[in-house]
Amino acid sequence: MRISLANNYAYLRGGAEKVMLTERNLLIHHGHQVAVFAQKDEKGAVGEESRFYPEKPGYDSPRFWERIRSLPGFIYSSKARRHFADHLQAYPADILHAHNIYGGLTPSILAEAKAQGIPSVMTLHDYKLMCPTYQMLSQGKPCELCLDHRYFHAVQQKCHRNSTTSSGVYALESYFNLGLGNYDPIHTFICPSQFLKTMAIRSGISEERLMVIPNAVDANAVMPSFEDNGYYLYAGRLSHEKGILTLIEVFQLLGLPLILAGEGPLQEACEKKAAFSQNIQLVGHLQGPELENRIRGARALILPSEWYENAPMILIEAAALGKPVIAANIGGIPEMVVEGHTGYLFTSGQAEDLQDKVRLLEDSPILRRQLGRQARERVLVEYSFETHYENLMKVYRSAIGRAL
């Protein structure tokens, strides 16, 4: 099968890119021809197909008029469509699998695929089709006001960068693409969590167009450790919605070692708080072997989110390494943690509940090892590459069959 994968970025930038690149390698391993279409970026590209990548739109430019000029391309990029047509000329495809294309490649590439008789599927890594600003988050709290397509709420609430103008651009983008049916060519939306699927249905997407396929990890490729070096680990963005301040508050009270691996808008605030707590250490953004080694040495991974997390990859990566997880019971997280079997859930934002769950693990090395083994066993079965591949093939074949 000839497969075109499309994503704004072709390098390891976040969870969406990790999933896309993992799927690329998995599909190539199974003998498929795969070409990646993305934007030009000095940080990286995938293969020779990068010669067809369009330039990034200038909407993030500090220059006001440059942002204004780039606005049409940010919403619907005719340039990206032309480049994608050239890409398909060089790398013919039986199917297009889109990932995060908003505000970059844009849905224009879906129109080009349709014009060439190529069916499309799309993985939803966030809530963009339900919320103009991706996160279903307003003023630091989970928000569902835009689920019924009343995107003006995002403007009223200044949901993007606390700016009426910036939020207005995102709302305009959502209204434009909804009104013109620019996502109509999508045969199937792949949802990494049942929670996201539920939100998509509530926003008006037909259930027949939605399929839950959890993210995957190659647990057989990593060596687990059921022992630890005495610390707890948070790995992710240092921002309010991630619950990072609640986490620090708890560990200041407990006095237990905590490592924070990440960067973000609350980095300076975290550093100031850590300066008064010798048990809390910031180590910056980690990935690859460095992150793996930090996870392997941890007693548990802690995910204290205070927003609707979809399906965080770090959770299954930690489980693959034999680590239990203490996580907030919000969004798609409860689907990924079996209470008392692979870890513990606590009420999102509740410091006392989180504190109680940490003490449960701290008081029992035997329990930690047991939960870690069970977490790895679950990953081997439910989040395996082979299961993920089989599910992808079902979606691809269905989309291709319908297009014939």
Protein backbone atom coordinates (compact mmCIF):
# COMPACT_ATOMS: atom_id res chain seq x y z
CA MET A 1 0.00 0.00 0.00
CA ARG A 2 1.20 3.52 -0.81
CA ILE A 3 0.57 5.85 2.12
CA SER A 4 0.99 9.61 2.42
CA LEU A 5 1.39 10.87 6.00
CA ALA A 6 0.75 14.58 6.52
CA ASN A 7 1.65 16.65 9.57
CA ASN A 8 2.76 20.24 10.06
CA TYR A 9 6.13 19.11 11.43
CA ALA A 10 8.31 16.20 10.36
CA TYR A 11 10.58 16.17 13.40
CA LEU A 12 10.04 15.08 17.00
CA ARG A 13 8.30 18.15 18.40
CA GLY A 14 5.52 16.71 20.56
CA GLY A 15 3.07 13.85 20.97
CA ALA A 16 1.51 14.17 17.51
CA GLU A 17 4.90 14.00 15.81
CA LYS A 18 5.97 11.05 17.95
CA VAL A 19 2.84 9.13 16.92
CA MET A 20 3.20 10.05 13.25
CA LEU A 21 6.89 9.10 13.06
CA THR A 22 6.26 5.88 14.98
CA GLU A 23 3.50 4.93 12.54
CA ARG A 24 5.77 5.77 9.61
CA ASN A 25 8.40 3.33 10.82
CA LEU A 26 5.78 0.71 11.64
CA LEU A 27 4.22 0.91 8.18
CA ILE A 28 7.61 0.75 6.45
CA HIS A 29 8.48 -2.29 8.60
CA HIS A 30 5.39 -4.02 7.20
CA GLY A 31 6.45 -3.35 3.62
CA HIS A 32 4.37 -0.29 2.73
CA GLN A 33 5.61 2.69 0.73
CA VAL A 34 5.37 5.75 2.95
CA ALA A 35 6.02 9.40 2.14
CA VAL A 36 5.73 12.23 4.66
CA PHE A 37 4.39 15.67 3.72
CA ALA A 38 5.11 18.55 6.12
CA GLN A 39 6.29 22.17 6.25
CA LYS A 40 9.86 23.23 5.68
CA ASP A 41 11.73 23.55 8.96
CA GLU A 42 15.41 23.80 9.75
CA LYS A 43 14.90 21.48 12.72
CA GLY A 44 14.42 18.46 10.54
CA ALA A 45 12.72 16.61 7.70
CA VAL A 46 12.03 13.03 6.69
CA GLY A 47 13.78 11.77 3.55
CA GLU A 48 14.09 13.32 0.12
CA GLU A 49 10.37 14.08 -0.05
CA SER A 50 11.14 17.26 1.91
CA ARG A 51 11.95 18.99 -1.38
CA PHE A 52 8.19 19.37 -1.85
CA TYR A 53 7.52 20.90 1.57
CA PRO A 54 5.95 24.39 1.59
CA GLU A 55 7.30 27.26 3.68
CA LYS A 56 5.64 27.79 7.04
CA PRO A 57 3.03 30.57 7.14
CA GLY A 58 4.24 33.71 8.87
CA TYR A 59 1.36 34.03 11.32
CA ASP A 60 3.71 33.69 14.31
CA SER A 61 5.87 36.54 13.05
CA PRO A 62 6.42 39.42 15.52
CA ARG A 63 5.60 41.81 12.67
CA PHE A 64 1.91 42.72 12.70
CA TRP A 65 1.48 43.27 8.96
CA GLU A 66 3.26 40.02 8.14
CA ARG A 67 0.78 38.20 10.36
CA ILE A 68 -2.11 39.94 8.58
CA ARG A 69 -0.75 38.99 5.14
CA SER A 70 -0.29 35.38 6.20
CA LEU A 71 -3.77 35.03 7.69
CA PRO A 72 -5.50 33.50 4.61
CA GLY A 73 -2.74 30.87 4.32
CA PHE A 74 -3.00 30.12 8.03
CA ILE A 75 -6.69 29.27 7.61
CA TYR A 76 -6.63 27.59 4.18
CA SER A 77 -3.33 27.36 2.32
CA SER A 78 -3.54 27.23 -1.48
CA LYS A 79 0.27 27.11 -1.54
CA ALA A 80 0.30 23.95 0.61
CA ARG A 81 -2.25 22.40 -1.76
CA ARG A 82 -0.04 23.10 -4.79
CA HIS A 83 2.99 21.65 -3.05
CA PHE A 84 0.98 18.60 -2.03
CA ALA A 85 -0.10 18.08 -5.64
CA ASP A 86 3.59 18.02 -6.64
CA HIS A 87 4.31 15.68 -3.72
CA LEU A 88 1.63 13.25 -4.91
CA GLN A 89 3.02 13.41 -8.44
CA ALA A 90 6.37 12.15 -7.14
CA TYR A 91 4.92 9.87 -4.44
CA PRO A 92 1.54 8.51 -5.59
CA ALA A 93 -0.67 7.42 -2.71
CA ASP A 94 -3.53 5.02 -2.14
CA ILE A 95 -4.51 6.87 1.02
CA LEU A 96 -3.76 10.09 2.90
CA HIS A 97 -3.38 9.83 6.67
CA ALA A 98 -3.44 13.35 8.11
CA HIS A 99 -2.32 14.20 11.63
CA ASN A 100 -2.02 17.83 12.88
CA ILE A 101 -2.50 19.98 9.77
CA TYR A 102 -4.36 22.98 11.27
CA GLY A 103 -2.74 26.39 10.88
CA GLY A 104 0.02 25.01 8.68
CA LEU A 105 -0.71 22.60 5.85
CA THR A 106 -4.42 23.29 6.51
CA PRO A 107 -7.40 21.25 5.18
CA SER A 108 -6.52 22.39 1.65
CA ILE A 109 -4.51 19.19 1.23
CA LEU A 110 -7.66 17.16 1.93
CA ALA A 111 -9.30 18.88 -1.05
CA GLU A 112 -6.32 17.99 -3.24
CA ALA A 113 -6.45 14.35 -2.16
CA LYS A 114 -10.16 14.26 -2.93
CA ALA A 115 -9.59 15.84 -6.35
CA GLN A 116 -7.12 13.05 -7.15
CA GLY A 117 -9.47 10.32 -5.92
CA ILE A 118 -7.38 9.57 -2.81
CA PRO A 119 -9.36 8.82 0.38
CA SER A 120 -8.34 10.52 3.63
CA VAL A 121 -8.29 9.54 7.29
CA MET A 122 -7.16 11.73 10.16
CA THR A 123 -5.88 11.19 13.69
CA LEU A 124 -7.27 13.66 16.23
CA HIS A 125 -4.44 14.43 18.65
CA ASP A 126 -6.34 17.26 20.31
CA TYR A 127 -9.75 18.95 20.38
CA LYS A 128 -9.29 21.36 17.45
CA LEU A 129 -12.45 20.25 15.65
CA MET A 130 -14.42 20.93 18.83
CA CYS A 131 -12.54 23.93 20.21
CA PRO A 132 -10.85 26.69 18.16
CA THR A 133 -7.90 26.78 20.55
CA TYR A 134 -7.30 23.02 20.71
CA GLN A 135 -7.47 22.38 24.46
CA MET A 136 -11.08 22.88 25.60
CA LEU A 137 -9.55 25.12 28.23
CA SER A 138 -10.63 28.60 29.26
CA GLN A 139 -9.10 30.75 31.98
CA GLY A 140 -7.19 27.71 33.20
CA LYS A 141 -10.29 25.53 33.56
CA PRO A 142 -11.82 22.81 31.34
CA CYS A 143 -14.44 24.36 29.06
CA GLU A 144 -17.12 22.93 26.76
CA LEU A 145 -18.77 26.15 25.55
CA CYS A 146 -17.71 25.70 21.91
CA LEU A 147 -18.86 22.09 21.53
CA ASP A 148 -22.01 23.21 19.69
CA HIS A 149 -19.99 25.29 17.18
CA ARG A 150 -20.53 28.59 18.99
CA TYR A 151 -16.88 29.49 18.54
CA PHE A 152 -17.46 33.12 19.49
CA HIS A 153 -17.12 31.97 23.11
CA ALA A 154 -13.37 31.59 22.49
CA VAL A 155 -13.23 35.27 21.58
CA GLN A 156 -15.30 36.38 24.55
CA GLN A 157 -13.12 34.35 26.91
CA LYS A 158 -9.84 35.34 25.19
CA CYS A 159 -8.93 31.67 25.12
CA HIS A 160 -5.79 31.98 23.00
CA ARG A 161 -2.93 33.88 24.63
CA ASN A 162 -5.49 35.93 26.58
CA SER A 163 -5.98 37.97 23.39
CA THR A 164 -9.24 38.93 21.74
CA THR A 165 -7.51 39.32 18.36
CA SER A 166 -5.61 36.05 18.48
CA SER A 167 -8.67 34.17 19.74
CA GLY A 168 -10.72 35.81 16.98
CA VAL A 169 -8.36 34.44 14.33
CA TYR A 170 -8.72 30.93 15.70
CA ALA A 171 -12.50 31.25 15.88
CA LEU A 172 -12.58 32.56 12.30
CA GLU A 173 -10.52 29.57 11.17
CA SER A 174 -12.98 27.17 12.83
CA TYR A 175 -16.05 28.91 11.36
CA PHE A 176 -14.48 28.98 7.89
CA ASN A 177 -13.55 25.31 7.78
CA LEU A 178 -16.85 24.21 9.33
CA GLY A 179 -18.95 26.37 7.02
CA LEU A 180 -17.22 25.16 3.86
CA GLY A 181 -17.14 21.53 4.98
CA ASN A 182 -13.37 21.37 4.58
CA TYR A 183 -13.12 18.25 6.75
CA ASP A 184 -15.90 16.45 4.88
CA PRO A 185 -13.41 14.45 2.75
CA ILE A 186 -12.25 12.61 5.90
CA HIS A 187 -13.55 9.03 5.83
CA THR A 188 -12.52 8.15 9.41
CA PHE A 189 -11.32 10.20 12.35
CA ILE A 190 -8.99 8.14 14.54
CA CYS A 191 -9.42 8.91 18.24
CA PRO A 192 -6.64 7.85 20.64
CA SER A 193 -9.17 7.81 23.50
CA GLN A 194 -12.84 7.06 24.03
CA PHE A 195 -13.11 10.41 25.81
CA LEU A 196 -12.09 12.29 22.66
CA LYS A 197 -14.54 10.22 20.61
CA THR A 198 -17.33 11.17 23.02
CA MET A 199 -16.47 14.85 22.69
CA ALA A 200 -16.36 14.55 18.90
CA ILE A 201 -19.83 13.00 18.85
CA ARG A 202 -21.13 15.77 21.09
CA SER A 203 -19.71 18.31 18.64
CA GLY A 204 -21.73 16.79 15.80
CA ILE A 205 -19.31 14.36 14.12
CA SER A 206 -21.12 11.16 13.14
CA GLU A 207 -20.14 8.17 15.26
CA GLU A 208 -19.75 6.10 12.07
CA ARG A 209 -16.79 8.32 11.12
CA LEU A 210 -14.98 7.80 14.44
CA MET A 211 -12.78 4.90 15.54
CA VAL A 212 -10.82 4.57 18.76
CA ILE A 213 -7.25 3.39 18.18
CA PRO A 214 -5.01 3.86 21.25
CA ASN A 215 -1.47 5.06 20.72
CA ALA A 216 1.18 2.35 20.73
CA VAL A 217 4.65 1.71 22.09
CA ASP A 218 7.17 -1.04 21.35
CA ALA A 219 7.52 -2.38 24.89
CA ASN A 220 9.69 -5.26 23.65
CA ALA A 221 12.32 -2.75 22.55
CA VAL A 222 12.97 -1.42 26.07
CA MET A 223 14.28 -3.06 29.20
CA PRO A 224 11.99 -2.49 32.19
CA SER A 225 13.17 -1.77 35.71
CA PHE A 226 11.03 -2.72 38.68
CA GLU A 227 13.49 -1.13 41.09
CA ASP A 228 14.05 2.61 41.50
CA ASN A 229 16.41 5.33 42.65
CA GLY A 230 14.05 6.87 45.18
CA TYR A 231 12.50 9.76 43.24
CA TYR A 232 9.16 10.51 41.59
CA LEU A 233 9.04 11.93 38.07
CA TYR A 234 6.95 14.42 36.13
CA ALA A 235 7.75 14.72 32.42
CA GLY A 236 5.85 17.27 30.36
CA ARG A 237 5.07 20.91 29.82
CA LEU A 238 5.52 23.23 32.79
CA SER A 239 2.17 24.98 32.57
CA HIS A 240 -0.88 25.63 34.70
CA GLU A 241 -3.20 23.15 32.97
CA LYS A 242 -0.71 20.35 33.56
CA GLY A 243 -1.26 20.68 37.33
CA ILE A 244 2.41 21.41 37.93
CA LEU A 245 1.79 23.87 40.80
CA THR A 246 -0.45 21.37 42.60
CA LEU A 247 2.28 18.76 42.19
CA ILE A 248 4.97 21.01 43.65
CA GLU A 249 2.72 21.94 46.57
CA VAL A 250 2.23 18.25 47.42
CA PHE A 251 5.91 17.38 47.30
CA GLN A 252 6.86 20.41 49.35
CA LEU A 253 4.63 18.95 52.07
CA LEU A 254 5.81 15.37 51.62
CA GLY A 255 9.51 16.20 51.38
CA LEU A 256 10.04 13.32 48.92
CA PRO A 257 12.41 13.64 45.93
CA LEU A 258 10.67 14.92 42.80
CA ILE A 259 12.23 15.48 39.37
CA LEU A 260 10.51 17.81 36.91
CA ALA A 261 11.52 17.17 33.29
CA GLY A 262 10.17 19.82 30.94
CA GLU A 263 9.94 23.44 29.90
CA GLY A 264 7.11 25.93 29.63
CA PRO A 265 5.57 29.21 30.76
CA LEU A 266 5.73 28.30 34.45
CA GLN A 267 9.40 27.37 34.36
CA GLU A 268 10.54 30.46 36.26
CA ALA A 269 7.81 30.01 38.89
CA CYS A 270 8.77 26.35 39.28
CA GLU A 271 12.44 27.24 39.67
CA LYS A 272 11.61 29.77 42.41
CA LYS A 273 9.52 27.23 44.30
CA ALA A 274 12.16 24.54 43.87
CA ALA A 275 14.80 26.90 45.26
CA PHE A 276 13.06 26.67 48.63
CA SER A 277 12.67 22.88 48.45
CA GLN A 278 15.85 20.82 48.26
CA ASN A 279 13.80 17.74 47.35
CA ILE A 280 12.58 19.22 44.03
CA GLN A 281 14.86 19.30 40.98
CA LEU A 282 14.28 20.72 37.48
CA VAL A 283 16.26 19.02 34.71
CA GLY A 284 14.84 20.72 31.59
CA HIS A 285 13.30 19.10 28.54
CA LEU A 286 14.35 15.49 28.02
CA GLN A 287 13.71 13.03 25.21
CA GLY A 288 15.10 9.78 23.86
CA PRO A 289 17.53 7.80 26.03
CA GLU A 290 17.83 10.62 28.61
CA LEU A 291 14.11 10.57 29.32
CA GLU A 292 14.01 6.79 29.25
CA ASN A 293 16.74 6.57 31.87
CA ARG A 294 14.95 9.07 34.12
CA ILE A 295 11.74 7.04 33.88
CA ARG A 296 13.58 3.80 34.56
CA GLY A 297 14.99 5.22 37.80
CA ALA A 298 11.68 6.61 39.08
CA ARG A 299 9.42 5.13 41.73
CA ALA A 300 6.43 6.29 39.72
CA LEU A 301 5.45 8.71 36.99
CA ILE A 302 3.03 11.41 38.13
CA LEU A 303 0.54 13.00 35.73
CA PRO A 304 -1.33 15.72 37.68
CA SER A 305 -3.29 17.20 34.75
CA GLU A 306 -6.02 19.77 35.27
CA TRP A 307 -7.34 19.77 31.69
CA TYR A 308 -8.87 17.17 29.37
CA GLU A 309 -5.75 15.20 28.49
CA ASN A 310 -6.42 13.05 25.44
CA ALA A 311 -4.01 10.10 25.49
CA PRO A 312 -0.56 11.10 26.80
CA MET A 313 2.23 8.99 25.30
CA ILE A 314 4.38 9.41 28.41
CA LEU A 315 1.93 7.28 30.36
CA ILE A 316 2.30 4.16 28.21
CA GLU A 317 6.04 4.76 27.82
CA ALA A 318 6.41 4.69 31.60
CA ALA A 319 4.29 1.54 31.84
CA ALA A 320 6.46 -0.14 29.20
CA LEU A 321 9.46 0.58 31.43
CA GLY A 322 7.75 -1.11 34.36
CA LYS A 323 6.61 1.98 36.25
CA PRO A 324 3.30 2.55 38.01
CA VAL A 325 1.51 5.84 37.38
CA ILE A 326 -0.27 8.24 39.70
CA ALA A 327 -2.55 10.31 37.48
CA ALA A 328 -5.48 12.70 37.59
CA ASN A 329 -8.85 11.21 36.70
CA ILE A 330 -9.61 13.64 33.89
CA GLY A 331 -10.04 13.40 30.11
CA GLY A 332 -8.76 10.18 28.57
CA ILE A 333 -6.39 9.35 31.42
CA PRO A 334 -8.75 7.01 33.35
CA GLU A 335 -8.90 4.74 30.28
CA MET A 336 -5.14 4.23 30.52
CA VAL A 337 -4.78 3.52 34.25
CA VAL A 338 -6.38 0.53 35.94
CA GLU A 339 -6.98 1.67 39.52
CA GLY A 340 -5.00 -0.43 41.99
CA HIS A 341 -3.65 -2.62 39.18
CA THR A 342 -1.31 -0.44 37.09
CA GLY A 343 -1.35 2.67 39.26
CA TYR A 344 -3.68 5.08 41.04
CA LEU A 345 -6.05 7.87 40.04
CA PHE A 346 -6.73 10.98 42.10
CA THR A 347 -9.23 13.80 41.78
CA SER A 348 -7.80 16.40 39.41
CA GLY A 349 -6.59 19.50 41.24
CA GLN A 350 -7.01 17.93 44.69
CA ALA A 351 -3.64 18.14 46.46
CA GLU A 352 -4.76 16.07 49.45
CA ASP A 353 -5.95 13.19 47.26
CA LEU A 354 -2.69 13.21 45.29
CA GLN A 355 -0.75 13.22 48.55
CA ASP A 356 -2.64 10.15 49.77
CA LYS A 357 -1.90 8.22 46.56
CA VAL A 358 1.81 9.04 46.72
CA ARG A 359 1.94 7.77 50.30
CA LEU A 360 0.33 4.49 49.20
CA LEU A 361 3.26 3.79 46.90
CA GLU A 362 5.91 5.26 49.16
CA ASP A 363 4.95 2.93 51.98
CA SER A 364 5.16 -0.30 49.95
CA PRO A 365 8.10 -1.26 47.71
CA ILE A 366 6.36 -4.59 47.04
CA LEU A 367 3.26 -2.77 45.77
CA ARG A 368 5.35 -0.53 43.51
CA ARG A 369 7.01 -3.52 41.87
CA GLN A 370 3.71 -5.36 41.50
CA LEU A 371 1.97 -2.40 39.88
CA GLY A 372 4.95 -1.82 37.58
CA ARG A 373 4.92 -5.42 36.34
CA GLN A 374 1.18 -5.31 35.77
CA ALA A 375 1.46 -1.98 33.95
CA ARG A 376 4.03 -3.45 31.56
CA GLU A 377 1.96 -6.58 30.97
CA ARG A 378 -1.04 -4.42 30.03
CA VAL A 379 1.02 -2.36 27.59
CA LEU A 380 2.31 -5.52 25.91
CA VAL A 381 -1.27 -6.59 25.19
CA GLU A 382 -3.35 -3.44 24.72
CA TYR A 383 -0.82 -0.93 23.37
CA SER A 384 1.31 -3.17 21.18
CA PHE A 385 2.61 -2.25 17.75
CA GLU A 386 0.91 -5.25 16.15
CA THR A 387 -2.51 -4.38 17.54
CA HIS A 388 -2.03 -0.77 16.43
CA TYR A 389 -0.97 -1.84 12.95
CA GLU A 390 -3.95 -4.18 12.51
CA ASN A 391 -6.34 -1.40 13.52
CA LEU A 392 -4.72 1.07 11.10
CA MET A 393 -5.08 -1.43 8.27
CA LYS A 394 -8.79 -1.86 9.02
CA VAL A 395 -9.30 1.90 8.76
CA TYR A 396 -7.18 2.23 5.60
CA ARG A 397 -8.88 -0.68 3.80
CA SER A 398 -12.32 0.61 4.72
CA ALA A 399 -11.53 4.09 3.40
CA ILE A 400 -9.98 2.75 0.18
CA GLY A 401 -12.84 0.31 -0.35
CA ARG A 402 -15.41 3.07 -0.05
CA ALA A 403 -13.51 5.25 -2.50
CA LEU A 404 -13.45 2.59 -5.22
